[in-house]
Structures are given as C-alpha cells and as structure tokens.
C-alpha cells in the first residue's frame, strides 16, 4: 500500500475574527466638533444633575420600583399608567426613523451614550497621555515609571468617573442622596452595590476599552440603518469626482495640470475617525456620522486654498448631479405619525385624572328583590388614588330616576397609591326601569379637591 501523497498546496489560515487594533483618534477642531462638545456637555449635565433636583420635598425624578411610583417632577406615574411608557418608546423609535431618513446617523454622532461617554474618556486620556502621537509613542514604549504612572492615573480616573456614572444611574431608582451617603460610609446594601458596580463596569468597559467595537459589532442600529436611507438622505460623503485622483503636492503646485484632484492624500480623515474607517471608500455602516472628517478636511482645504466641502454633508442625488428632495413621502409619513403619537400622549397626560375607578358587578346574582318590592344590584368599586397625597372621596350614582345609592362607610379614604374596595348597592323601583339592562354611571370626587373627579359606567340589571 502506497504512502499518502504529501500535500503540495500551501497552508491557508482564515480567521473569522481579526485581533483589534487600538484606534487613537486625532483631536480635531471645527464647527461639528464644537457641536459635539456642546451636545456632550448638555447631555452629561442633564444625566448627572437631574437626580439631585428636588420637587415638593422629594427627588424630582425618581423611578421608585419598590413603591411602584415613577416621579417625574409634578407627575406621578403608576403601574396603571404604563401605557405612557409604551408611548414614549414608540415616540423614540419614530424619532429615530425620522431623523435617520432626513440626516443619517445624527443620534450616533451626537447623542448616543456610547459616543458621549467615549468622547469623555478620550478627553481624559488626552489630558494625561497627550495627543495622538504621544499616545501611540507611550503605548509602544517599554514599561517604565513614567508609563506606569500615566496608565495608573488614567485608569484610576476612568474608574472613578465610571463609579460616579453607575451611582448616578442607580440614583434614578433609589434616592441618590441616600445612595451617596451609604457609598461613602461603605454601608450600601447588596443589590444597590451590585447595580452600581455593574453599570460602572459597563461604562468602563464600553467607553474605555471596547469603544468602536460597540458601534461596529454590538449595536444593532448599524445593521438596519440602511433600510431608512435613500438617495435624498443627508450623509457624510467624500466627493469622488472632485477629489480623485488623489496625490501629494505642494501648495503652490498646479494640481490640475498634474492631473490630480483636490485630495492631497494626507489621511487625516482616517486619523480623526473614531471607528478607524476611510470615508473615501464610500458610505460604510461603521460610520457613526460624527463629522470629524469634515472638520479636518475643511482645515486642509483652507490651508491649500481649495474650496471647502471635499468631505461634506450631502446626498447621493447631489453627488450624482441630481436634485435633492428633503420633503418626500417617507419623511412626511414619519413626521405625521410622530406628531400624532406625541399629541395623543400629551393630551392623555394633560387630561389624566389623579384617581381611577373600576366597577365590578356582583356575579353571584343578577339582582335581588327587597322586602319593599325594589330591585337591588351590588357592585364593588375599586378606587385607586394616583395622587401623591391621601384623599377622601364622595360617591354618587345616576342613570335611573329616583336611584338610591347605599354605601356602608362614607367618605371613602385612600392613601397615595392605595386601592380601596368599596361595596356599593344601587336600589331602584322596577317601574322606573325601561329595560332589563339599564346604563348607570358612578362618580367619585375628592372632598378637598373637586377637580379630582372621575366617572365610570356600569349596567343595572332588573326583571324582564
């Protein structure tokens, strides 16, 4: 039996996942860089500041899960109001669709938490390690006292910043002053400590270590954004017709005579990109729309005395020489649906009652005849106090002539968030009943505040 023939083909290795190369984005200045800084400061200010605001002697914004109360300034949301949460999620999704259809990934570039915290971590890194070249040089240098000092200082500040972030996040669900005090005195309860550390670790890992990998591999938005793009969507694009063929030159050279385009191939647009892509290769899902490449390219064009806008916000139609239509069916439909849902939610909240009433008929018997020949129906009224303070209520009923209401204990009392079950009897003369089933209406009203009032309909059953 012959020996198996040795393979003459060369060994081929294919890696399904390439090792990450650390990206060191170059700092850039310009209009869009200033807008990103303003957006980051505003959003971080809101995030870290809101939990410390007070309203009527309590935390202004607090999602109190144990008590099942969501405080949003003067508004108290109960479990019965969770339909509003659904509405807010729908509004957020529609807003994302709308702005993506109009101007691409504005959310990713300016308001996404991953972008905002990554920019914050990068700012801290630049203050400690220096600019891009100094960071690269430090990373490649052997470990010495200077490198140990800078790396230790950097990660210590990152960790403290992350702990502050985690503590603030938990502060939206527990009183933040209590959490801060217990954190300092090392007496924080187990679950609270777990969630503080969990969100701190998430911030430290996502913004400090993974950065662009979160946007490229973990975020689902990058995968389906193209479904909302069309040729009229504003995107960040490189003008291939104007920039090619690219090549180096001196400022005083006549690049047109040399057959060169406006791109001098400086690669600064790649160096400033937080995800490390080359915008000159065309639209890519890794682009988060931060516009850093626009700012740095405009600086280069200005130094070369070329017109700005080699890289700019534009549309595919504009690049192809066609007219851009910002108002188009999908944008109009998104806007109309968004405005409709927002209007419905605002109207519902503005007309929301601080009390809720559920009426349940006694199902053991349809009706009962009294010793005086009258017809009696029994109901259980569930009175839900959705206000932040206790109230006493009166109950009335209407719908049948000379209808009598009998309640054992009046007024009805309900603490904030309490559900009071009230057994109620309605008594009517059979001669006043026009049919076997008559519509009646219960009304409850707070004694101390007549504006807190709600009515609920029910059926009164009598003999046929």
Protein backbone atom coordinates (compact mmCIF):
# COMPACT_ATOMS: atom_id res chain seq x y z
CA UNK A 1 0.00 0.00 0.00
CA UNK A 2 1.42 3.31 -1.04
CA UNK A 3 2.15 6.16 1.32
CA UNK A 4 -0.36 9.07 1.20
CA UNK A 5 0.91 11.79 -1.03
CA UNK A 6 2.15 14.88 0.73
CA UNK A 7 0.09 17.95 0.06
CA UNK A 8 1.89 20.35 -2.23
CA UNK A 9 -0.56 23.21 -1.62
CA UNK A 10 0.45 25.89 0.84
CA UNK A 11 -1.32 26.06 4.20
CA UNK A 12 -4.06 28.68 4.30
CA UNK A 13 -5.38 30.08 7.57
CA UNK A 14 -8.57 32.06 7.67
CA UNK A 15 -9.50 33.99 10.76
CA UNK A 16 -13.15 34.63 11.44
CA UNK A 17 -12.28 37.47 13.81
CA UNK A 18 -9.25 39.72 13.45
CA UNK A 19 -7.46 41.00 16.50
CA UNK A 20 -8.46 44.51 17.42
CA UNK A 21 -6.03 47.27 16.62
CA UNK A 22 -6.29 50.12 19.09
CA UNK A 23 -7.55 53.32 17.49
CA UNK A 24 -6.14 56.63 18.65
CA UNK A 25 -8.38 59.33 17.13
CA UNK A 26 -6.65 62.63 16.41
CA UNK A 27 -8.23 65.64 18.11
CA UNK A 28 -9.98 67.96 15.70
CA UNK A 29 -11.50 71.43 15.91
CA UNK A 30 -14.23 72.96 13.84
CA UNK A 31 -17.97 73.56 13.68
CA UNK A 32 -19.07 69.96 14.12
CA UNK A 33 -16.51 69.31 16.85
CA UNK A 34 -17.93 72.26 18.80
CA UNK A 35 -21.46 70.96 18.29
CA UNK A 36 -20.41 67.55 19.65
CA UNK A 37 -18.82 69.16 22.71
CA UNK A 38 -21.94 71.24 23.37
CA UNK A 39 -24.18 68.19 22.96
CA UNK A 40 -21.96 66.14 25.30
CA UNK A 41 -21.89 68.84 27.99
CA UNK A 42 -25.66 69.33 27.86
CA UNK A 43 -26.43 65.60 27.95
CA UNK A 44 -23.93 64.83 30.70
CA UNK A 45 -25.17 67.83 32.68
CA UNK A 46 -28.73 66.53 32.45
CA UNK A 47 -27.71 62.97 33.33
CA UNK A 48 -25.61 63.84 36.38
CA UNK A 49 -27.68 66.82 37.54
CA UNK A 50 -31.31 65.73 37.31
CA UNK A 51 -31.22 63.17 40.19
CA UNK A 52 -30.15 65.93 42.59
CA UNK A 53 -33.09 68.20 41.77
CA UNK A 54 -35.82 68.46 44.41
CA UNK A 55 -39.57 68.87 43.91
CA UNK A 56 -42.07 69.33 46.77
CA UNK A 57 -39.63 67.88 49.29
CA UNK A 58 -38.70 64.80 47.27
CA UNK A 59 -36.39 63.86 44.44
CA UNK A 60 -37.74 65.43 41.25
CA UNK A 61 -37.12 62.39 39.03
CA UNK A 62 -37.27 59.03 40.78
CA UNK A 63 -38.41 55.67 39.45
CA UNK A 64 -39.35 54.09 42.76
CA UNK A 65 -39.76 50.42 41.85
CA UNK A 66 -40.50 49.06 45.38
CA UNK A 67 -43.31 51.60 45.83
CA UNK A 68 -44.37 51.26 42.17
CA UNK A 69 -44.27 55.02 41.65
CA UNK A 70 -42.48 56.96 38.95
CA UNK A 71 -41.96 60.59 39.94
CA UNK A 72 -41.25 62.99 37.07
CA UNK A 73 -41.34 66.44 38.65
CA UNK A 74 -45.05 67.08 39.37
CA UNK A 75 -46.24 63.97 37.56
CA UNK A 76 -46.67 60.65 39.35
CA UNK A 77 -46.86 57.56 37.11
CA UNK A 78 -48.41 54.39 38.49
CA UNK A 79 -48.40 50.82 37.12
CA UNK A 80 -51.83 51.55 35.63
CA UNK A 81 -50.21 54.32 33.56
CA UNK A 82 -47.53 52.19 31.95
CA UNK A 83 -49.24 52.75 28.62
CA UNK A 84 -47.37 56.06 28.67
CA UNK A 85 -44.07 54.17 28.76
CA UNK A 86 -45.14 52.30 25.64
CA UNK A 87 -46.00 55.63 24.03
CA UNK A 88 -42.58 57.07 24.91
CA UNK A 89 -40.83 54.06 23.38
CA UNK A 90 -42.90 54.46 20.21
CA UNK A 91 -42.01 58.16 20.07
CA UNK A 92 -38.30 57.35 20.50
CA UNK A 93 -38.42 54.79 17.68
CA UNK A 94 -40.33 57.10 15.32
CA UNK A 95 -37.96 59.99 16.10
CA UNK A 96 -35.00 57.74 15.28
CA UNK A 97 -36.61 56.72 11.99
CA UNK A 98 -37.46 60.33 11.13
CA UNK A 99 -34.03 61.84 11.83
CA UNK A 100 -32.26 58.92 10.17
CA UNK A 101 -34.33 59.34 7.00
CA UNK A 102 -33.56 63.08 6.95
CA UNK A 103 -29.94 63.29 8.08
CA UNK A 104 -28.49 59.83 8.66
CA UNK A 105 -26.88 58.88 11.96
CA UNK A 106 -27.31 62.14 13.89
CA UNK A 107 -28.17 60.13 17.01
CA UNK A 108 -24.96 58.12 16.83
CA UNK A 109 -22.72 61.10 16.18
CA UNK A 110 -24.04 63.49 18.81
CA UNK A 111 -26.41 61.94 21.37
CA UNK A 112 -25.73 58.20 21.73
CA UNK A 113 -24.50 57.39 25.28
CA UNK A 114 -21.68 55.32 23.81
CA UNK A 115 -20.47 58.33 21.80
CA UNK A 116 -20.88 60.81 24.68
CA UNK A 117 -19.01 58.70 27.24
CA UNK A 118 -16.32 57.65 24.76
CA UNK A 119 -15.66 61.32 23.98
CA UNK A 120 -15.39 61.97 27.73
CA UNK A 121 -12.92 59.12 28.21
CA UNK A 122 -10.87 60.29 25.21
CA UNK A 123 -10.74 63.82 26.64
CA UNK A 124 -9.39 62.45 29.94
CA UNK A 125 -6.85 60.33 28.04
CA UNK A 126 -5.58 63.34 26.07
CA UNK A 127 -5.15 65.36 29.26
CA UNK A 128 -2.99 62.62 30.80
CA UNK A 129 -1.18 60.96 27.88
CA UNK A 130 -1.09 63.82 25.36
CA UNK A 131 -2.18 63.95 21.74
CA UNK A 132 -2.49 61.07 19.29
CA UNK A 133 1.22 60.77 18.51
CA UNK A 134 2.16 60.89 22.18
CA UNK A 135 -0.41 58.19 22.99
CA UNK A 136 0.94 55.91 20.26
CA UNK A 137 4.52 56.54 21.40
CA UNK A 138 3.60 55.77 25.02
CA UNK A 139 1.81 52.54 24.01
CA UNK A 140 4.86 51.32 22.08
CA UNK A 141 7.39 52.30 24.74
CA UNK A 142 8.65 49.73 27.28
CA UNK A 143 7.17 49.74 30.74
CA UNK A 144 8.91 52.28 32.95
CA UNK A 145 7.97 54.56 35.85
CA UNK A 146 6.53 57.23 33.55
CA UNK A 147 4.33 54.76 31.67
CA UNK A 148 3.20 53.03 34.87
CA UNK A 149 2.34 56.42 36.41
CA UNK A 150 0.33 57.67 33.41
CA UNK A 151 -1.52 54.41 32.84
CA UNK A 152 -2.34 54.04 36.53
CA UNK A 153 -3.56 57.63 36.74
CA UNK A 154 -5.61 57.25 33.56
CA UNK A 155 -7.40 54.10 34.63
CA UNK A 156 -7.91 55.38 38.17
CA UNK A 157 -9.73 58.45 36.85
CA UNK A 158 -11.68 56.31 34.37
CA UNK A 159 -12.78 54.02 37.21
CA UNK A 160 -13.80 56.94 39.46
CA UNK A 161 -15.73 58.51 36.58
CA UNK A 162 -17.40 55.15 35.89
CA UNK A 163 -18.34 54.74 39.57
CA UNK A 164 -19.88 58.20 39.53
CA UNK A 165 -21.80 57.19 36.41
CA UNK A 166 -23.03 53.94 37.97
CA UNK A 167 -24.03 55.63 41.21
CA UNK A 168 -25.95 58.29 39.27
CA UNK A 169 -27.79 55.66 37.23
CA UNK A 170 -28.92 53.80 40.35
CA UNK A 171 -29.84 57.22 41.78
CA UNK A 172 -32.73 57.36 39.31
CA UNK A 173 -34.23 54.30 41.06
CA UNK A 174 -33.26 54.99 44.68
CA UNK A 175 -32.87 58.33 46.49
CA UNK A 176 -29.45 59.47 45.31
CA UNK A 177 -28.52 61.33 48.50
CA UNK A 178 -29.10 58.13 50.45
CA UNK A 179 -27.00 56.10 47.98
CA UNK A 180 -24.16 58.64 48.03
CA UNK A 181 -24.10 58.69 51.85
CA UNK A 182 -24.10 54.90 52.09
CA UNK A 183 -21.46 54.66 49.36
CA UNK A 184 -19.13 56.95 51.30
CA UNK A 185 -19.74 55.11 54.58
CA UNK A 186 -19.43 51.69 52.86
CA UNK A 187 -22.89 50.66 54.08
CA UNK A 188 -24.64 50.28 50.71
CA UNK A 189 -26.99 47.29 50.54
CA UNK A 190 -26.10 44.25 48.44
CA UNK A 191 -28.36 44.79 45.44
CA UNK A 192 -27.75 48.53 45.27
CA UNK A 193 -23.99 47.93 45.40
CA UNK A 194 -24.28 45.26 42.71
CA UNK A 195 -26.07 47.59 40.27
CA UNK A 196 -23.69 50.48 40.96
CA UNK A 197 -20.71 48.22 40.21
CA UNK A 198 -22.47 46.63 37.22
CA UNK A 199 -23.15 49.93 35.45
CA UNK A 200 -19.74 51.25 36.46
CA UNK A 201 -18.10 48.22 34.87
CA UNK A 202 -20.27 48.62 31.74
CA UNK A 203 -19.21 52.27 31.39
CA UNK A 204 -15.54 51.50 31.99
CA UNK A 205 -15.55 48.58 29.56
CA UNK A 206 -17.59 50.16 26.77
CA UNK A 207 -16.07 53.66 26.79
CA UNK A 208 -12.57 52.79 27.96
CA UNK A 209 -11.78 49.52 26.21
CA UNK A 210 -14.23 48.47 23.52
CA UNK A 211 -15.20 51.88 22.13
CA UNK A 212 -15.61 51.46 18.37
CA UNK A 213 -16.27 47.74 18.75
CA UNK A 214 -19.56 48.53 20.48
CA UNK A 215 -20.61 50.57 17.43
CA UNK A 216 -19.32 48.11 14.84
CA UNK A 217 -20.18 44.72 16.35
CA UNK A 218 -22.66 45.17 19.20
CA UNK A 219 -25.03 47.95 18.17
CA UNK A 220 -27.93 46.66 16.03
CA UNK A 221 -28.65 50.12 14.64
CA UNK A 222 -25.61 49.96 12.38
CA UNK A 223 -27.09 46.88 10.71
CA UNK A 224 -30.53 48.18 9.83
CA UNK A 225 -29.86 51.89 9.30
CA UNK A 226 -29.56 51.37 5.54
CA UNK A 227 -33.25 50.41 5.41
CA UNK A 228 -34.07 54.02 6.32
CA UNK A 229 -31.62 55.63 3.90
CA UNK A 230 -32.41 56.67 0.35
CA UNK A 231 -30.71 58.88 -2.24
CA UNK A 232 -32.13 62.01 -0.57
CA UNK A 233 -30.80 61.27 2.92
CA UNK A 234 -28.10 63.65 4.15
CA UNK A 235 -24.95 61.61 4.73
CA UNK A 236 -21.28 62.36 5.20
CA UNK A 237 -19.62 61.69 1.85
CA UNK A 238 -16.36 62.21 0.04
CA UNK A 239 -16.75 63.92 -3.35
CA UNK A 240 -15.04 61.34 -5.50
CA UNK A 241 -15.39 63.36 -8.71
CA UNK A 242 -13.64 66.35 -7.18
CA UNK A 243 -11.05 64.56 -5.08
CA UNK A 244 -9.73 61.88 -7.48
CA UNK A 245 -7.11 61.08 -8.46
CA UNK A 246 -5.61 61.87 -5.09
CA UNK A 247 -1.94 62.52 -4.51
CA UNK A 248 0.59 64.62 -2.67
CA UNK A 249 1.65 68.06 -3.89
CA UNK A 250 2.98 71.39 -2.70
CA UNK A 251 0.63 74.27 -2.10
CA UNK A 252 1.96 76.33 -4.98
CA UNK A 253 1.68 73.43 -7.47
CA UNK A 254 -0.96 73.48 -10.18
CA UNK A 255 -2.52 70.14 -9.30
CA UNK A 256 -4.97 70.31 -12.18
CA UNK A 257 -2.08 70.46 -14.65
CA UNK A 258 -0.64 67.34 -12.99
CA UNK A 259 -3.97 65.56 -13.40
CA UNK A 260 -4.65 65.44 -9.65
CA UNK A 261 -7.87 66.00 -7.78
CA UNK A 262 -8.26 68.12 -4.65
CA UNK A 263 -7.48 65.28 -2.21
CA UNK A 264 -3.83 65.53 -1.15
CA UNK A 265 -3.94 62.04 0.40
CA UNK A 266 -2.95 63.33 3.85
CA UNK A 267 -5.03 60.58 5.56
CA UNK A 268 -6.09 62.98 8.31
CA UNK A 269 -9.72 62.00 7.70
CA UNK A 270 -8.76 58.46 8.71
CA UNK A 271 -6.76 59.59 11.73
CA UNK A 272 -9.66 61.56 13.24
CA UNK A 273 -12.26 58.82 12.68
CA UNK A 274 -13.29 57.20 16.00
CA UNK A 275 -14.07 53.91 14.22
CA UNK A 276 -10.94 53.97 12.03
CA UNK A 277 -12.64 53.90 8.61
CA UNK A 278 -11.62 55.73 5.44
CA UNK A 279 -14.58 57.85 4.35
CA UNK A 280 -13.06 57.99 0.86
CA UNK A 281 -14.04 54.36 0.37
CA UNK A 282 -17.71 55.38 0.32
CA UNK A 283 -20.59 55.06 2.76
CA UNK A 284 -19.92 52.35 5.37
CA UNK A 285 -22.06 51.03 8.19
CA UNK A 286 -19.19 51.68 10.63
CA UNK A 287 -19.54 55.46 10.09
CA UNK A 288 -21.30 56.98 13.11
CA UNK A 289 -21.83 60.38 11.49
CA UNK A 290 -19.66 62.37 13.90
CA UNK A 291 -18.42 64.65 11.05
CA UNK A 292 -14.86 64.80 12.41
CA UNK A 293 -13.60 64.07 8.89
CA UNK A 294 -15.49 67.11 7.58
CA UNK A 295 -13.82 69.42 10.09
CA UNK A 296 -10.29 68.20 9.45
CA UNK A 297 -10.71 68.09 5.66
CA UNK A 298 -12.03 71.66 5.64
CA UNK A 299 -8.90 72.73 7.57
CA UNK A 300 -6.69 71.08 4.95
CA UNK A 301 -8.64 72.62 2.07
CA UNK A 302 -8.34 76.04 3.69
CA UNK A 303 -4.56 75.65 4.05
CA UNK A 304 -4.27 74.55 0.42
CA UNK A 305 -6.51 77.46 -0.72
CA UNK A 306 -9.02 74.96 -2.19
CA UNK A 307 -12.80 75.22 -1.77
CA UNK A 308 -14.12 73.54 1.36
CA UNK A 309 -16.55 70.65 1.20
CA UNK A 310 -14.46 67.88 -0.32
CA UNK A 311 -15.98 65.83 2.51
CA UNK A 312 -19.37 67.19 3.49
CA UNK A 313 -22.96 66.51 4.41
CA UNK A 314 -24.66 65.79 1.11
CA UNK A 315 -26.91 63.28 -0.62
CA UNK A 316 -26.34 60.64 -3.24
CA UNK A 317 -28.56 62.58 -5.61
CA UNK A 318 -26.47 65.72 -5.12
CA UNK A 319 -23.24 63.84 -5.77
CA UNK A 320 -24.74 62.47 -8.97
CA UNK A 321 -25.80 65.93 -10.07
CA UNK A 322 -29.49 65.40 -9.40
CA UNK A 323 -31.89 67.49 -7.33
CA UNK A 324 -32.29 66.59 -3.66
CA UNK A 325 -35.81 66.28 -2.23
CA UNK A 326 -35.81 66.66 1.55
CA UNK A 327 -39.62 66.51 1.73
CA UNK A 328 -40.59 63.10 0.42
CA UNK A 329 -43.25 60.53 1.31
CA UNK A 330 -41.33 58.58 3.96
CA UNK A 331 -40.24 61.75 5.77
CA UNK A 332 -43.76 63.18 5.71
CA UNK A 333 -45.27 59.90 6.94
CA UNK A 334 -42.73 59.58 9.77
CA UNK A 335 -43.36 63.20 10.79
CA UNK A 336 -47.15 62.87 10.76
CA UNK A 337 -47.14 59.65 12.76
CA UNK A 338 -44.61 61.10 15.22
CA UNK A 339 -46.64 64.29 15.75
CA UNK A 340 -49.86 62.30 16.10
CA UNK A 341 -48.45 59.97 18.75
CA UNK A 342 -46.82 62.87 20.63
CA UNK A 343 -50.06 64.83 20.55
CA UNK A 344 -52.06 61.85 21.78
CA UNK A 345 -49.64 61.19 24.66
CA UNK A 346 -49.54 64.87 25.71
CA UNK A 347 -53.33 65.15 25.52
CA UNK A 348 -53.76 61.97 27.56
CA UNK A 349 -51.29 63.12 30.23
CA UNK A 350 -52.80 66.61 30.45
CA UNK A 351 -56.27 65.10 30.92
CA UNK A 352 -55.12 62.33 33.20
CA UNK A 353 -57.13 62.02 36.39
CA UNK A 354 -55.48 61.64 39.79
CA UNK A 355 -58.00 58.94 40.66
CA UNK A 356 -59.08 55.80 38.86
CA UNK A 357 -62.31 53.87 39.25
CA UNK A 358 -63.12 50.27 38.31
CA UNK A 359 -66.68 48.99 38.74
CA UNK A 360 -67.31 45.25 39.20
CA UNK A 361 -70.82 43.84 39.41
CA UNK A 362 -71.60 41.07 41.88
CA UNK A 363 -71.67 37.97 39.70
CA UNK A 364 -73.29 35.73 42.32
CA UNK A 365 -76.73 37.08 41.41
CA UNK A 366 -78.04 39.29 38.62
CA UNK A 367 -80.26 41.25 41.00
CA UNK A 368 -82.15 40.93 44.28
CA UNK A 369 -85.70 41.96 45.18
CA UNK A 370 -86.02 43.69 48.57
CA UNK A 371 -88.87 43.28 51.06
CA UNK A 372 -90.35 46.50 49.71
CA UNK A 373 -90.52 45.24 46.12
CA UNK A 374 -87.49 47.24 44.95
CA UNK A 375 -84.65 45.91 42.79
CA UNK A 376 -81.12 45.91 44.20
CA UNK A 377 -77.75 45.45 42.42
CA UNK A 378 -74.47 45.06 44.30
CA UNK A 379 -71.15 46.41 43.00
CA UNK A 380 -67.56 46.50 44.15
CA UNK A 381 -65.90 49.84 43.41
CA UNK A 382 -62.12 49.84 43.24
CA UNK A 383 -60.94 53.38 43.96
CA UNK A 384 -57.27 53.92 43.06
CA UNK A 385 -55.63 57.06 44.41
CA UNK A 386 -52.99 58.05 41.84
CA UNK A 387 -52.12 61.31 43.56
CA UNK A 388 -49.08 61.84 45.78
CA UNK A 389 -51.23 62.59 48.87
CA UNK A 390 -54.18 60.90 50.59
CA UNK A 391 -57.76 61.89 49.74
CA UNK A 392 -61.32 61.36 50.96
CA UNK A 393 -63.94 60.80 48.28
CA UNK A 394 -67.69 61.01 47.89
CA UNK A 395 -69.60 58.62 45.63
CA UNK A 396 -72.72 59.30 43.60
CA UNK A 397 -74.71 57.38 41.00
CA UNK A 398 -77.09 58.39 38.21
CA UNK A 399 -78.91 56.97 35.21
CA UNK A 400 -82.25 55.85 36.69
CA UNK A 401 -84.97 58.06 38.16
CA UNK A 402 -85.03 58.08 41.99
CA UNK A 403 -81.98 55.77 42.05
CA UNK A 404 -80.77 55.17 45.61
CA UNK A 405 -77.10 54.64 46.49
CA UNK A 406 -76.17 52.76 49.64
CA UNK A 407 -72.56 52.70 50.88
CA UNK A 408 -71.61 51.37 54.29
CA UNK A 409 -68.76 53.77 55.02
CA UNK A 410 -68.58 57.29 53.64
CA UNK A 411 -66.45 59.14 52.85
CA UNK A 412 -64.12 56.69 51.15
CA UNK A 413 -60.48 57.15 52.19
CA UNK A 414 -57.46 56.14 50.10
CA UNK A 415 -53.80 56.79 50.78
CA UNK A 416 -51.43 57.68 47.95
CA UNK A 417 -51.18 54.64 45.69
CA UNK A 418 -53.75 52.71 47.72
CA UNK A 419 -56.65 50.76 46.20
CA UNK A 420 -59.83 50.97 48.28
CA UNK A 421 -62.54 48.36 47.72
CA UNK A 422 -65.98 49.82 48.37
CA UNK A 423 -69.11 47.61 48.47
CA UNK A 424 -71.96 49.61 46.95
CA UNK A 425 -75.67 48.87 46.46
CA UNK A 426 -77.96 50.53 43.96
CA UNK A 427 -81.71 50.31 44.61
CA UNK A 428 -84.38 51.23 42.03
CA UNK A 429 -88.15 50.94 41.63
CA UNK A 430 -89.00 48.34 38.91
CA UNK A 431 -91.45 50.81 37.40
CA UNK A 432 -88.52 53.17 36.67
CA UNK A 433 -86.63 50.54 34.68
CA UNK A 434 -87.18 50.88 30.93
CA UNK A 435 -85.41 47.60 30.12
CA UNK A 436 -83.86 44.55 31.74
CA UNK A 437 -80.42 46.19 31.49
CA UNK A 438 -80.05 49.91 32.14
CA UNK A 439 -76.94 52.03 31.91
CA UNK A 440 -75.90 53.72 35.16
CA UNK A 441 -72.91 55.92 35.99
CA UNK A 442 -70.84 56.06 39.18
CA UNK A 443 -68.96 59.26 40.01
CA UNK A 444 -66.33 59.73 42.71
CA UNK A 445 -64.92 63.10 43.71
CA UNK A 446 -62.27 64.19 46.19
CA UNK A 447 -63.70 66.26 49.04
CA UNK A 448 -60.63 68.50 49.34
CA UNK A 449 -60.18 68.99 45.58
CA UNK A 450 -63.30 68.93 43.37
CA UNK A 451 -61.10 68.80 40.26
CA UNK A 452 -60.11 65.25 41.18
CA UNK A 453 -63.16 63.56 39.77
CA UNK A 454 -63.92 60.58 37.54
CA UNK A 455 -66.99 58.73 36.28
CA UNK A 456 -67.39 55.13 35.18
CA UNK A 457 -70.37 53.41 33.56
CA UNK A 458 -71.96 50.09 34.55
CA UNK A 459 -75.15 48.13 33.94
CA UNK A 460 -78.13 47.83 36.28
CA UNK A 461 -79.94 44.51 35.85
CA UNK A 462 -83.63 44.14 36.62
CA UNK A 463 -86.56 41.81 35.87
CA UNK A 464 -87.52 41.33 32.24
